[in-house]
Amino acid sequence: MISKASSVVSSILLTMPLLAVSGCVSGEEVSSVSGLSLLREGDALFHQNEHDKALAAYLLAIKTAAGEEDDSVQAAGMSQVALIYALRSDEVRARQSLDRADELAQPGDPEGWGRYLLARGAFERDQGQTGAALQTYEELFEFSATHKLHGRAAQAAHMGTLITTGEDRVVWAKRGVETAETSGRSTWSASAWLALAWIFEDLGQNEDALQAFVTARSFAGRTSSDDAVMQADWALAHGLRMAGDLDRARELAQRTLARATTAYQFSGTDSGIGYPDYAIWVAQCQRELAELDVEEEQLESALERFVEARRYFLLAGLKERAPESLALLERRIDVVRHQAVD
């Protein structure tokens, strides 16, 4: 199963133009590219989980911005470098980069300061300083809300849900919902409601989760994104199953599977490989239908669907993107295979 957090993160990261300069631009061409453009290139790569390439772009952005005497871009770039090292648990480089970002970042520069706080919180979290990290995310949320940086505020709220427990997670998730709705972006609202739904489910509050899934689907329907709608429909089918409405869950999962399969096939290249995110929703729907088969003791059918789900997860690149999620599915396949034999 794809991680619950991943559906939230994909929606709250800011969309930046991909300029395709890292690693493929000559020295003469680099001189004509601004530090800000290189920073945005790094952001685009970072959002695609291309962290090595993003790091190279950020370092180049810092160097270019230094020549331009642009402290704002330097602060933002150095904060992103610190964030990448913190995500890698590289304490020495993360601390060095964070200290430099601290020297450069100023509260009067909302974008640079927001990035610095995000990186600081990630570093504190990696060091096990949960209390300090929570205070940093609180500061980041309030600062971002004040400056109407809705995407950054949503990031802070999401990070708050990751380091709190129980009802405190609900409080932070609801702050994310409020921020997303304030932004007026239906895609963000859909993802924020999905995040809240998963937290309700984790707490065993399946009816509350179902209502949040329904609301997420409503917001997804207001977007022009087939991907967002398929994600919301799969999640709603899951919520229906968890709430005990198996017939409606199966009907919605089957309908969404058909739509996702068609979308994947029509997005394919000459090699037959389609858009990876469509493959994810094919896999998720197959997995959901497999769980419904298990509920109804149709173990052979369930096993076939689980195996098909695994095939599409591999087509979606989860072996590299989310190996832990793939491992969970493989363990589930082993359990059902043993049940079918017994």
C-alpha atoms as a PDB file:
ATOM      1  CA  MET A   1       0.000   0.000   0.000  1.00  0.00           C
ATOM      2  CA  ILE A   2       1.238   3.416  -0.862  1.00  0.00           C
ATOM      3  CA  SER A   3       2.110   5.440   2.228  1.00  0.00           C
ATOM      4  CA  LYS A   4      -0.688   7.659   3.465  1.00  0.00           C
ATOM      5  CA  ALA A   5       1.628  10.576   3.860  1.00  0.00           C
ATOM      6  CA  SER A   6       2.658  10.450   0.214  1.00  0.00           C
ATOM      7  CA  SER A   7      -0.830  11.487  -1.032  1.00  0.00           C
ATOM      8  CA  VAL A   8      -0.667  14.600   1.219  1.00  0.00           C
ATOM      9  CA  VAL A   9       2.878  15.622   0.348  1.00  0.00           C
ATOM     10  CA  SER A  10       2.218  15.420  -3.398  1.00  0.00           C
ATOM     11  CA  SER A  11      -0.551  17.989  -3.061  1.00  0.00           C
ATOM     12  CA  ILE A  12       1.060  20.577  -0.783  1.00  0.00           C
ATOM     13  CA  LEU A  13       4.425  20.997  -2.488  1.00  0.00           C
ATOM     14  CA  LEU A  14       4.462  24.111  -4.622  1.00  0.00           C
ATOM     15  CA  THR A  15       4.466  23.636  -8.373  1.00  0.00           C
ATOM     16  CA  MET A  16       7.611  25.029  -9.929  1.00  0.00           C
ATOM     17  CA  PRO A  17       8.658  25.224 -13.610  1.00  0.00           C
ATOM     18  CA  LEU A  18      11.090  22.532 -14.717  1.00  0.00           C
ATOM     19  CA  LEU A  19      13.899  24.302 -16.560  1.00  0.00           C
ATOM     20  CA  ALA A  20      16.032  21.194 -17.147  1.00  0.00           C
ATOM     21  CA  VAL A  21      19.355  22.846 -16.466  1.00  0.00           C
ATOM     22  CA  SER A  22      20.984  20.589 -13.867  1.00  0.00           C
ATOM     23  CA  GLY A  23      23.631  18.361 -15.315  1.00  0.00           C
ATOM     24  CA  CYS A  24      22.837  19.265 -18.910  1.00  0.00           C
ATOM     25  CA  VAL A  25      23.757  22.918 -19.316  1.00  0.00           C
ATOM     26  CA  SER A  26      27.169  24.150 -20.355  1.00  0.00           C
ATOM     27  CA  GLY A  27      29.150  26.608 -18.284  1.00  0.00           C
ATOM     28  CA  GLU A  28      28.402  29.376 -20.778  1.00  0.00           C
ATOM     29  CA  GLU A  29      24.663  28.699 -20.549  1.00  0.00           C
ATOM     30  CA  VAL A  30      24.713  28.618 -16.732  1.00  0.00           C
ATOM     31  CA  SER A  31      26.002  32.174 -16.666  1.00  0.00           C
ATOM     32  CA  SER A  32      22.753  33.297 -18.309  1.00  0.00           C
ATOM     33  CA  VAL A  33      20.521  31.446 -15.840  1.00  0.00           C
ATOM     34  CA  SER A  34      19.528  33.215 -12.645  1.00  0.00           C
ATOM     35  CA  GLY A  35      19.903  31.813  -9.172  1.00  0.00           C
ATOM     36  CA  LEU A  36      16.128  31.940  -8.786  1.00  0.00           C
ATOM     37  CA  SER A  37      15.612  29.821 -11.911  1.00  0.00           C
ATOM     38  CA  LEU A  38      18.106  27.275 -10.643  1.00  0.00           C
ATOM     39  CA  LEU A  39      16.340  27.242  -7.280  1.00  0.00           C
ATOM     40  CA  ARG A  40      13.059  26.458  -9.012  1.00  0.00           C
ATOM     41  CA  GLU A  41      14.764  23.725 -11.005  1.00  0.00           C
ATOM     42  CA  GLY A  42      15.916  22.226  -7.733  1.00  0.00           C
ATOM     43  CA  ASP A  43      12.381  22.450  -6.341  1.00  0.00           C
ATOM     44  CA  ALA A  44      10.930  20.654  -9.356  1.00  0.00           C
ATOM     45  CA  LEU A  45      13.466  17.848  -9.014  1.00  0.00           C
ATOM     46  CA  PHE A  46      12.965  17.657  -5.257  1.00  0.00           C
ATOM     47  CA  HIS A  47       9.196  17.283  -5.707  1.00  0.00           C
ATOM     48  CA  GLN A  48       9.890  14.381  -8.065  1.00  0.00           C
ATOM     49  CA  ASN A  49      12.033  12.722  -5.367  1.00  0.00           C
ATOM     50  CA  GLU A  50      15.146  13.245  -7.518  1.00  0.00           C
ATOM     51  CA  HIS A  51      17.136  14.342  -4.495  1.00  0.00           C
ATOM     52  CA  ASP A  52      20.618  13.895  -5.938  1.00  0.00           C
ATOM     53  CA  LYS A  53      19.793  16.055  -8.960  1.00  0.00           C
ATOM     54  CA  ALA A  54      17.939  18.533  -6.752  1.00  0.00           C
ATOM     55  CA  LEU A  55      20.981  18.874  -4.501  1.00  0.00           C
ATOM     56  CA  ALA A  56      23.172  19.681  -7.505  1.00  0.00           C
ATOM     57  CA  ALA A  57      20.683  22.297  -8.699  1.00  0.00           C
ATOM     58  CA  TYR A  58      20.428  23.911  -5.257  1.00  0.00           C
ATOM     59  CA  LEU A  59      24.216  24.114  -4.883  1.00  0.00           C
ATOM     60  CA  LEU A  60      24.463  25.741  -8.298  1.00  0.00           C
ATOM     61  CA  ALA A  61      21.651  28.131  -7.347  1.00  0.00           C
ATOM     62  CA  ILE A  62      23.551  29.146  -4.197  1.00  0.00           C
ATOM     63  CA  LYS A  63      26.747  29.766  -6.142  1.00  0.00           C
ATOM     64  CA  THR A  64      24.932  31.777  -8.812  1.00  0.00           C
ATOM     65  CA  ALA A  65      22.945  33.774  -6.240  1.00  0.00           C
ATOM     66  CA  ALA A  66      26.158  34.626  -4.390  1.00  0.00           C
ATOM     67  CA  GLY A  67      27.476  36.196  -7.588  1.00  0.00           C
ATOM     68  CA  GLU A  68      24.211  38.095  -7.902  1.00  0.00           C
ATOM     69  CA  GLU A  69      24.418  39.144  -4.224  1.00  0.00           C
ATOM     70  CA  ASP A  70      20.943  37.653  -3.752  1.00  0.00           C
ATOM     71  CA  ASP A  71      20.809  36.621  -0.081  1.00  0.00           C
ATOM     72  CA  SER A  72      17.182  35.498  -0.387  1.00  0.00           C
ATOM     73  CA  VAL A  73      17.930  32.806  -2.973  1.00  0.00           C
ATOM     74  CA  GLN A  74      21.075  31.804  -1.097  1.00  0.00           C
ATOM     75  CA  ALA A  75      19.041  31.356   2.093  1.00  0.00           C
ATOM     76  CA  ALA A  76      16.363  29.375   0.298  1.00  0.00           C
ATOM     77  CA  GLY A  77      18.883  27.187  -1.500  1.00  0.00           C
ATOM     78  CA  MET A  78      20.952  26.518   1.601  1.00  0.00           C
ATOM     79  CA  SER A  79      17.787  25.635   3.532  1.00  0.00           C
ATOM     80  CA  GLN A  80      16.863  23.107   0.857  1.00  0.00           C
ATOM     81  CA  VAL A  81      20.358  21.610   0.986  1.00  0.00           C
ATOM     82  CA  ALA A  82      19.988  21.265   4.764  1.00  0.00           C
ATOM     83  CA  LEU A  83      16.567  19.662   4.282  1.00  0.00           C
ATOM     84  CA  ILE A  84      17.939  17.034   1.896  1.00  0.00           C
ATOM     85  CA  TYR A  85      20.785  16.176   4.249  1.00  0.00           C
ATOM     86  CA  ALA A  86      18.338  15.996   7.170  1.00  0.00           C
ATOM     87  CA  LEU A  87      16.126  13.605   5.200  1.00  0.00           C
ATOM     88  CA  ARG A  88      19.229  11.486   4.607  1.00  0.00           C
ATOM     89  CA  SER A  89      20.101  11.598   8.340  1.00  0.00           C
ATOM     90  CA  ASP A  90      23.468  13.126   7.417  1.00  0.00           C
ATOM     91  CA  GLU A  91      23.838  15.017  10.682  1.00  0.00           C
ATOM     92  CA  VAL A  92      27.157  16.745   9.989  1.00  0.00           C
ATOM     93  CA  ARG A  93      26.261  18.171   6.570  1.00  0.00           C
ATOM     94  CA  ALA A  94      22.713  18.970   7.662  1.00  0.00           C
ATOM     95  CA  ARG A  95      23.948  20.946  10.659  1.00  0.00           C
ATOM     96  CA  GLN A  96      26.582  22.805   8.637  1.00  0.00           C
ATOM     97  CA  SER A  97      24.060  23.731   5.951  1.00  0.00           C
ATOM     98  CA  LEU A  98      21.449  24.704   8.520  1.00  0.00           C
ATOM     99  CA  ASP A  99      23.891  26.963  10.366  1.00  0.00           C
ATOM    100  CA  ARG A 100      24.719  28.732   7.105  1.00  0.00           C
ATOM    101  CA  ALA A 101      21.018  29.050   6.248  1.00  0.00           C
ATOM    102  CA  ASP A 102      20.440  30.537   9.707  1.00  0.00           C
ATOM    103  CA  GLU A 103      23.027  33.223   8.939  1.00  0.00           C
ATOM    104  CA  LEU A 104      21.392  34.070   5.608  1.00  0.00           C
ATOM    105  CA  ALA A 105      17.670  33.755   6.318  1.00  0.00           C
ATOM    106  CA  GLN A 106      15.712  36.742   7.624  1.00  0.00           C
ATOM    107  CA  PRO A 107      12.097  36.911   8.871  1.00  0.00           C
ATOM    108  CA  GLY A 108      11.619  39.851   6.509  1.00  0.00           C
ATOM    109  CA  ASP A 109      12.072  37.426   3.616  1.00  0.00           C
ATOM    110  CA  PRO A 110       9.033  35.103   4.040  1.00  0.00           C
ATOM    111  CA  GLU A 111      10.029  32.559   1.407  1.00  0.00           C
ATOM    112  CA  GLY A 112      13.601  32.132   2.634  1.00  0.00           C
ATOM    113  CA  TRP A 113      12.588  32.152   6.295  1.00  0.00           C
ATOM    114  CA  GLY A 114       9.819  29.607   5.714  1.00  0.00           C
ATOM    115  CA  ARG A 115      12.236  27.226   4.007  1.00  0.00           C
ATOM    116  CA  TYR A 116      14.721  27.667   6.827  1.00  0.00           C
ATOM    117  CA  LEU A 117      12.118  26.778   9.459  1.00  0.00           C
ATOM    118  CA  LEU A 118      11.026  23.727   7.469  1.00  0.00           C
ATOM    119  CA  ALA A 119      14.616  22.500   7.260  1.00  0.00           C
ATOM    120  CA  ARG A 120      15.228  23.222  10.950  1.00  0.00           C
ATOM    121  CA  GLY A 121      12.171  21.219  11.928  1.00  0.00           C
ATOM    122  CA  ALA A 122      13.272  18.286   9.765  1.00  0.00           C
ATOM    123  CA  PHE A 123      16.732  18.352  11.359  1.00  0.00           C
ATOM    124  CA  GLU A 124      15.301  18.494  14.886  1.00  0.00           C
ATOM    125  CA  ARG A 125      12.937  15.643  14.084  1.00  0.00           C
ATOM    126  CA  ASP A 126      15.774  13.526  12.689  1.00  0.00           C
ATOM    127  CA  GLN A 127      17.751  14.150  15.882  1.00  0.00           C
ATOM    128  CA  GLY A 128      14.843  12.916  17.990  1.00  0.00           C
ATOM    129  CA  GLN A 129      14.147  16.403  19.357  1.00  0.00           C
ATOM    130  CA  THR A 130      10.391  16.023  18.999  1.00  0.00           C
ATOM    131  CA  GLY A 131       9.482  18.888  21.314  1.00  0.00           C
ATOM    132  CA  ALA A 132      11.799  21.319  19.546  1.00  0.00           C
ATOM    133  CA  ALA A 133      10.573  20.152  16.131  1.00  0.00           C
ATOM    134  CA  LEU A 134       6.957  20.638  17.153  1.00  0.00           C
ATOM    135  CA  GLN A 135       7.728  24.176  18.325  1.00  0.00           C
ATOM    136  CA  THR A 136       9.449  24.875  15.010  1.00  0.00           C
ATOM    137  CA  TYR A 137       6.471  23.584  13.010  1.00  0.00           C
ATOM    138  CA  GLU A 138       4.174  25.687  15.189  1.00  0.00           C
ATOM    139  CA  GLU A 139       6.312  28.732  14.401  1.00  0.00           C
ATOM    140  CA  LEU A 140       6.353  27.828  10.720  1.00  0.00           C
ATOM    141  CA  PHE A 141       2.583  27.397  10.619  1.00  0.00           C
ATOM    142  CA  GLU A 142       1.859  30.729  12.308  1.00  0.00           C
ATOM    143  CA  PHE A 143       4.472  32.570  10.246  1.00  0.00           C
ATOM    144  CA  SER A 144       3.202  31.084   6.980  1.00  0.00           C
ATOM    145  CA  ALA A 145      -0.438  31.753   7.809  1.00  0.00           C
ATOM    146  CA  THR A 146       0.397  35.369   8.629  1.00  0.00           C
ATOM    147  CA  HIS A 147       2.171  35.830   5.295  1.00  0.00           C
ATOM    148  CA  LYS A 148      -0.478  33.840   3.377  1.00  0.00           C
ATOM    149  CA  LEU A 149       2.036  31.196   2.357  1.00  0.00           C
ATOM    150  CA  HIS A 150      -0.677  28.551   2.239  1.00  0.00           C
ATOM    151  CA  GLY A 151       1.509  25.799   0.797  1.00  0.00           C
ATOM    152  CA  ARG A 152       4.147  26.260   3.496  1.00  0.00           C
ATOM    153  CA  ALA A 153       1.484  26.381   6.229  1.00  0.00           C
ATOM    154  CA  ALA A 154       0.025  23.137   4.903  1.00  0.00           C
ATOM    155  CA  GLN A 155       3.488  21.575   5.007  1.00  0.00           C
ATOM    156  CA  ALA A 156       3.853  22.634   8.632  1.00  0.00           C
ATOM    157  CA  ALA A 157       0.459  21.165   9.508  1.00  0.00           C
ATOM    158  CA  HIS A 158       1.328  17.905   7.778  1.00  0.00           C
ATOM    159  CA  MET A 159       4.642  17.644   9.614  1.00  0.00           C
ATOM    160  CA  GLY A 160       2.779  18.297  12.855  1.00  0.00           C
ATOM    161  CA  THR A 161       0.649  15.201  12.226  1.00  0.00           C
ATOM    162  CA  LEU A 162       3.794  13.094  11.846  1.00  0.00           C
ATOM    163  CA  ILE A 163       5.289  13.890  15.246  1.00  0.00           C
ATOM    164  CA  THR A 164       2.162  13.994  17.409  1.00  0.00           C
ATOM    165  CA  THR A 165      -0.110  11.233  18.644  1.00  0.00           C
ATOM    166  CA  GLY A 166      -3.808  10.626  19.299  1.00  0.00           C
ATOM    167  CA  GLU A 167      -6.188  13.553  19.023  1.00  0.00           C
ATOM    168  CA  ASP A 168      -3.288  15.986  18.612  1.00  0.00           C
ATOM    169  CA  ARG A 169      -2.819  14.500  15.142  1.00  0.00           C
ATOM    170  CA  VAL A 170      -6.456  15.341  14.374  1.00  0.00           C
ATOM    171  CA  VAL A 171      -5.912  18.921  15.549  1.00  0.00           C
ATOM    172  CA  TRP A 172      -2.935  19.375  13.236  1.00  0.00           C
ATOM    173  CA  ALA A 173      -4.711  17.694  10.319  1.00  0.00           C
ATOM    174  CA  LYS A 174      -7.698  20.005  10.758  1.00  0.00           C
ATOM    175  CA  ARG A 175      -5.329  22.968  10.635  1.00  0.00           C
ATOM    176  CA  GLY A 176      -4.139  21.580   7.308  1.00  0.00           C
ATOM    177  CA  VAL A 177      -7.736  21.337   6.103  1.00  0.00           C
ATOM    178  CA  GLU A 178      -8.446  24.916   7.131  1.00  0.00           C
ATOM    179  CA  THR A 179      -5.300  26.141   5.396  1.00  0.00           C
ATOM    180  CA  ALA A 180      -6.085  24.241   2.199  1.00  0.00           C
ATOM    181  CA  GLU A 181      -9.627  25.573   2.055  1.00  0.00           C
ATOM    182  CA  THR A 182      -8.377  29.106   2.693  1.00  0.00           C
ATOM    183  CA  SER A 183      -6.076  28.736  -0.314  1.00  0.00           C
ATOM    184  CA  GLY A 184      -9.087  28.102  -2.547  1.00  0.00           C
ATOM    185  CA  ARG A 185      -7.300  25.208  -4.271  1.00  0.00           C
ATOM    186  CA  SER A 186      -9.566  22.197  -4.544  1.00  0.00           C
ATOM    187  CA  THR A 187      -6.653  19.811  -5.125  1.00  0.00           C
ATOM    188  CA  TRP A 188      -5.057  20.871  -1.847  1.00  0.00           C
ATOM    189  CA  SER A 189      -8.386  20.582  -0.023  1.00  0.00           C
ATOM    190  CA  ALA A 190      -8.962  17.085  -1.387  1.00  0.00           C
ATOM    191  CA  SER A 191      -5.549  15.955  -0.178  1.00  0.00           C
ATOM    192  CA  ALA A 192      -5.925  17.641   3.209  1.00  0.00           C
ATOM    193  CA  TRP A 193      -9.256  15.878   3.779  1.00  0.00           C
ATOM    194  CA  LEU A 194      -7.679  12.588   2.719  1.00  0.00           C
ATOM    195  CA  ALA A 195      -4.922  13.110   5.276  1.00  0.00           C
ATOM    196  CA  LEU A 196      -7.510  13.712   7.984  1.00  0.00           C
ATOM    197  CA  ALA A 197      -9.423  10.605   6.896  1.00  0.00           C
ATOM    198  CA  TRP A 198      -6.349   8.385   7.220  1.00  0.00           C
ATOM    199  CA  ILE A 199      -5.674   9.742  10.695  1.00  0.00           C
ATOM    200  CA  PHE A 200      -9.261   9.045  11.775  1.00  0.00           C
ATOM    201  CA  GLU A 201      -8.829   5.504  10.471  1.00  0.00           C
ATOM    202  CA  ASP A 202      -5.563   5.063  12.373  1.00  0.00           C
ATOM    203  CA  LEU A 203      -7.461   6.054  15.515  1.00  0.00           C
ATOM    204  CA  GLY A 204     -10.209   3.520  14.783  1.00  0.00           C
ATOM    205  CA  GLN A 205     -12.795   6.215  14.024  1.00  0.00           C
ATOM    206  CA  ASN A 206     -14.039   4.637  10.797  1.00  0.00           C
ATOM    207  CA  GLU A 207     -17.298   6.590  10.520  1.00  0.00           C
ATOM    208  CA  ASP A 208     -15.443   9.898  10.891  1.00  0.00           C
ATOM    209  CA  ALA A 209     -12.911   8.644   8.366  1.00  0.00           C
ATOM    210  CA  LEU A 210     -15.675   7.792   5.907  1.00  0.00           C
ATOM    211  CA  GLN A 211     -17.160  11.289   6.139  1.00  0.00           C
ATOM    212  CA  ALA A 212     -13.703  12.779   5.524  1.00  0.00           C
ATOM    213  CA  PHE A 213     -13.234  10.506   2.503  1.00  0.00           C
ATOM    214  CA  VAL A 214     -16.609  11.687   1.160  1.00  0.00           C
ATOM    215  CA  THR A 215     -15.573  15.330   1.579  1.00  0.00           C
ATOM    216  CA  ALA A 216     -12.231  14.657  -0.104  1.00  0.00           C
ATOM    217  CA  ARG A 217     -14.052  13.147  -3.068  1.00  0.00           C
ATOM    218  CA  SER A 218     -16.270  16.223  -3.279  1.00  0.00           C
ATOM    219  CA  PHE A 219     -13.249  18.527  -3.534  1.00  0.00           C
ATOM    220  CA  ALA A 220     -11.480  16.210  -5.994  1.00  0.00           C
ATOM    221  CA  GLY A 221     -14.531  16.391  -8.241  1.00  0.00           C
ATOM    222  CA  ARG A 222     -14.078  20.160  -8.488  1.00  0.00           C
ATOM    223  CA  THR A 223     -10.613  19.785  -9.996  1.00  0.00           C
ATOM    224  CA  SER A 224      -9.636  19.044 -13.569  1.00  0.00           C
ATOM    225  CA  SER A 225      -7.341  16.235 -12.411  1.00  0.00           C
ATOM    226  CA  ASP A 226      -8.295  12.666 -13.338  1.00  0.00           C
ATOM    227  CA  ASP A 227      -5.497  11.551 -11.051  1.00  0.00           C
ATOM    228  CA  ALA A 228      -7.016  13.360  -8.052  1.00  0.00           C
ATOM    229  CA  VAL A 229     -10.470  11.912  -8.770  1.00  0.00           C
ATOM    230  CA  MET A 230      -9.177   8.349  -9.092  1.00  0.00           C
ATOM    231  CA  GLN A 231      -7.203   8.689  -5.877  1.00  0.00           C
ATOM    232  CA  ALA A 232     -10.260  10.012  -4.046  1.00  0.00           C
ATOM    233  CA  ASP A 233     -12.519   7.293  -5.473  1.00  0.00           C
ATOM    234  CA  TRP A 234     -10.122   4.531  -4.461  1.00  0.00           C
ATOM    235  CA  ALA A 235      -9.806   6.053  -0.978  1.00  0.00           C
ATOM    236  CA  LEU A 236     -13.588   6.337  -0.651  1.00  0.00           C
ATOM    237  CA  ALA A 237     -13.990   2.680  -1.660  1.00  0.00           C
ATOM    238  CA  HIS A 238     -11.492   1.833   1.065  1.00  0.00           C
ATOM    239  CA  GLY A 239     -13.388   3.956   3.583  1.00  0.00           C
ATOM    240  CA  LEU A 240     -16.647   2.234   2.679  1.00  0.00           C
ATOM    241  CA  ARG A 241     -15.069  -1.175   3.247  1.00  0.00           C
ATOM    242  CA  MET A 242     -13.638  -0.151   6.607  1.00  0.00           C
ATOM    243  CA  ALA A 243     -17.058   1.184   7.623  1.00  0.00           C
ATOM    244  CA  GLY A 244     -18.661  -2.161   6.670  1.00  0.00           C
ATOM    245  CA  ASP A 245     -20.465  -1.118   3.481  1.00  0.00           C
ATOM    246  CA  LEU A 246     -18.960  -3.893   1.353  1.00  0.00           C
ATOM    247  CA  ASP A 247     -21.369  -3.743  -1.585  1.00  0.00           C
ATOM    248  CA  ARG A 248     -20.859  -0.032  -2.231  1.00  0.00           C
ATOM    249  CA  ALA A 249     -17.135  -0.455  -1.668  1.00  0.00           C
ATOM    250  CA  ARG A 250     -16.915  -3.174  -4.319  1.00  0.00           C
ATOM    251  CA  GLU A 251     -19.016  -1.245  -6.830  1.00  0.00           C
ATOM    252  CA  LEU A 252     -16.887   1.893  -6.499  1.00  0.00           C
ATOM    253  CA  ALA A 253     -13.596  -0.024  -6.534  1.00  0.00           C
ATOM    254  CA  GLN A 254     -14.605  -1.911  -9.696  1.00  0.00           C
ATOM    255  CA  ARG A 255     -15.707   1.279 -11.425  1.00  0.00           C
ATOM    256  CA  THR A 256     -12.506   3.085 -10.474  1.00  0.00           C
ATOM    257  CA  LEU A 257     -10.396   0.105 -11.533  1.00  0.00           C
ATOM    258  CA  ALA A 258     -11.955   0.177 -14.997  1.00  0.00           C
ATOM    259  CA  ARG A 259     -11.319   3.907 -15.308  1.00  0.00           C
ATOM    260  CA  ALA A 260      -7.740   3.691 -14.063  1.00  0.00           C
ATOM    261  CA  THR A 261      -6.952   0.742 -16.332  1.00  0.00           C
ATOM    262  CA  THR A 262      -8.246   2.604 -19.376  1.00  0.00           C
ATOM    263  CA  ALA A 263      -6.338   5.752 -18.401  1.00  0.00           C
ATOM    264  CA  TYR A 264      -3.135   3.750 -17.971  1.00  0.00           C
ATOM    265  CA  GLN A 265      -3.511   2.012 -21.325  1.00  0.00           C
ATOM    266  CA  PHE A 266      -4.243   5.209 -23.237  1.00  0.00           C
ATOM    267  CA  SER A 267      -1.347   7.053 -21.593  1.00  0.00           C
ATOM    268  CA  GLY A 268       1.086   4.367 -22.756  1.00  0.00           C
ATOM    269  CA  THR A 269       4.079   4.840 -24.991  1.00  0.00           C
ATOM    270  CA  ASP A 270       5.055   2.597 -27.881  1.00  0.00           C
ATOM    271  CA  SER A 271       6.638   0.282 -25.325  1.00  0.00           C
ATOM    272  CA  GLY A 272       3.264  -0.099 -23.602  1.00  0.00           C
ATOM    273  CA  ILE A 273       4.344   1.639 -20.388  1.00  0.00           C
ATOM    274  CA  GLY A 274       1.724   4.115 -19.189  1.00  0.00           C
ATOM    275  CA  TYR A 275       1.642   7.019 -16.750  1.00  0.00           C
ATOM    276  CA  PRO A 276       2.971   5.675 -13.406  1.00  0.00           C
ATOM    277  CA  ASP A 277       0.355   7.338 -11.195  1.00  0.00           C
ATOM    278  CA  TYR A 278      -2.443   5.695 -13.186  1.00  0.00           C
ATOM    279  CA  ALA A 279      -0.724   2.378 -12.497  1.00  0.00           C
ATOM    280  CA  ILE A 280      -0.841   3.178  -8.790  1.00  0.00           C
ATOM    281  CA  TRP A 281      -4.621   3.529  -8.826  1.00  0.00           C
ATOM    282  CA  VAL A 282      -5.006   0.308 -10.814  1.00  0.00           C
ATOM    283  CA  ALA A 283      -2.908  -1.390  -8.141  1.00  0.00           C
ATOM    284  CA  GLN A 284      -4.758   0.203  -5.240  1.00  0.00           C
ATOM    285  CA  CYS A 285      -8.154  -0.769  -6.636  1.00  0.00           C
ATOM    286  CA  GLN A 286      -6.998  -4.337  -7.232  1.00  0.00           C
ATOM    287  CA  ARG A 287      -5.707  -4.451  -3.681  1.00  0.00           C
ATOM    288  CA  GLU A 288      -8.992  -3.102  -2.332  1.00  0.00           C
ATOM    289  CA  LEU A 289     -10.991  -5.664  -4.299  1.00  0.00           C
ATOM    290  CA  ALA A 290      -8.629  -8.366  -3.045  1.00  0.00           C
ATOM    291  CA  GLU A 291      -9.363  -7.362   0.550  1.00  0.00           C
ATOM    292  CA  LEU A 292     -13.077  -7.515  -0.225  1.00  0.00           C
ATOM    293  CA  ASP A 293     -12.572 -11.032  -1.609  1.00  0.00           C
ATOM    294  CA  VAL A 294     -10.810 -11.988   1.621  1.00  0.00           C
ATOM    295  CA  GLU A 295     -13.780 -10.646   3.597  1.00  0.00           C
ATOM    296  CA  GLU A 296     -16.027 -12.946   1.554  1.00  0.00           C
ATOM    297  CA  GLU A 297     -13.578 -15.889   1.836  1.00  0.00           C
ATOM    298  CA  GLN A 298     -12.849 -15.917  -1.899  1.00  0.00           C
ATOM    299  CA  LEU A 299      -9.154 -16.544  -1.287  1.00  0.00           C
ATOM    300  CA  GLU A 300      -8.131 -17.715  -4.769  1.00  0.00           C
ATOM    301  CA  SER A 301      -9.655 -14.629  -6.354  1.00  0.00           C
ATOM    302  CA  ALA A 302      -8.097 -12.464  -3.635  1.00  0.00           C
ATOM    303  CA  LEU A 303      -4.659 -13.924  -4.302  1.00  0.00           C
ATOM    304  CA  GLU A 304      -4.958 -13.263  -8.039  1.00  0.00           C
ATOM    305  CA  ARG A 305      -5.923  -9.658  -7.379  1.00  0.00           C
ATOM    306  CA  PHE A 306      -3.086  -9.139  -4.877  1.00  0.00           C
ATOM    307  CA  VAL A 307      -0.567 -10.466  -7.417  1.00  0.00           C
ATOM    308  CA  GLU A 308      -2.006  -8.170 -10.083  1.00  0.00           C
ATOM    309  CA  ALA A 309      -1.779  -5.264  -7.652  1.00  0.00           C
ATOM    310  CA  ARG A 310       1.885  -6.059  -7.122  1.00  0.00           C
ATOM    311  CA  ARG A 311       2.494  -6.089 -10.874  1.00  0.00           C
ATOM    312  CA  TYR A 312       1.027  -2.606 -11.264  1.00  0.00           C
ATOM    313  CA  PHE A 313       2.858  -1.281  -8.230  1.00  0.00           C
ATOM    314  CA  LEU A 314       6.077  -2.354  -9.943  1.00  0.00           C
ATOM    315  CA  LEU A 315       4.948  -0.622 -13.148  1.00  0.00           C
ATOM    316  CA  ALA A 316       4.381   2.497 -11.036  1.00  0.00           C
ATOM    317  CA  GLY A 317       7.972   2.337  -9.805  1.00  0.00           C
ATOM    318  CA  LEU A 318       7.216   1.628  -6.163  1.00  0.00           C
ATOM    319  CA  LYS A 319      10.249  -0.615  -5.881  1.00  0.00           C
ATOM    320  CA  GLU A 320      12.289   2.588  -5.985  1.00  0.00           C
ATOM    321  CA  ARG A 321       9.711   5.149  -4.812  1.00  0.00           C
ATOM    322  CA  ALA A 322       8.227   3.304  -1.827  1.00  0.00           C
ATOM    323  CA  PRO A 323       9.950  -0.037  -1.180  1.00  0.00           C
ATOM    324  CA  GLU A 324       8.412  -0.305   2.287  1.00  0.00           C
ATOM    325  CA  SER A 325       4.908  -0.132   0.809  1.00  0.00           C
ATOM    326  CA  LEU A 326       5.739  -2.848  -1.687  1.00  0.00           C
ATOM    327  CA  ALA A 327       7.148  -4.987   1.125  1.00  0.00           C
ATOM    328  CA  LEU A 328       3.871  -4.655   3.052  1.00  0.00           C
ATOM    329  CA  LEU A 329       1.928  -5.865   0.038  1.00  0.00           C
ATOM    330  CA  GLU A 330       4.267  -8.812  -0.468  1.00  0.00           C
ATOM    331  CA  ARG A 331       3.821  -9.859   3.148  1.00  0.00           C
ATOM    332  CA  ARG A 332       0.057  -9.663   2.690  1.00  0.00           C
ATOM    333  CA  ILE A 333       0.328 -11.879  -0.394  1.00  0.00           C
ATOM    334  CA  ASP A 334       2.253 -14.468   1.624  1.00  0.00           C
ATOM    335  CA  VAL A 335      -0.408 -14.480   4.349  1.00  0.00           C
ATOM    336  CA  VAL A 336      -3.283 -14.939   1.908  1.00  0.00           C
ATOM    337  CA  ARG A 337      -1.355 -17.601  -0.041  1.00  0.00           C
ATOM    338  CA  HIS A 338      -0.950 -19.625   3.165  1.00  0.00           C
ATOM    339  CA  GLN A 339      -4.624 -19.134   4.013  1.00  0.00           C
ATOM    340  CA  ALA A 340      -5.611 -20.364   0.534  1.00  0.00           C
ATOM    341  CA  VAL A 341      -3.459 -23.497   0.942  1.00  0.00           C
ATOM    342  CA  ASP A 342      -4.787 -24.259   4.418  1.00  0.00           C
END
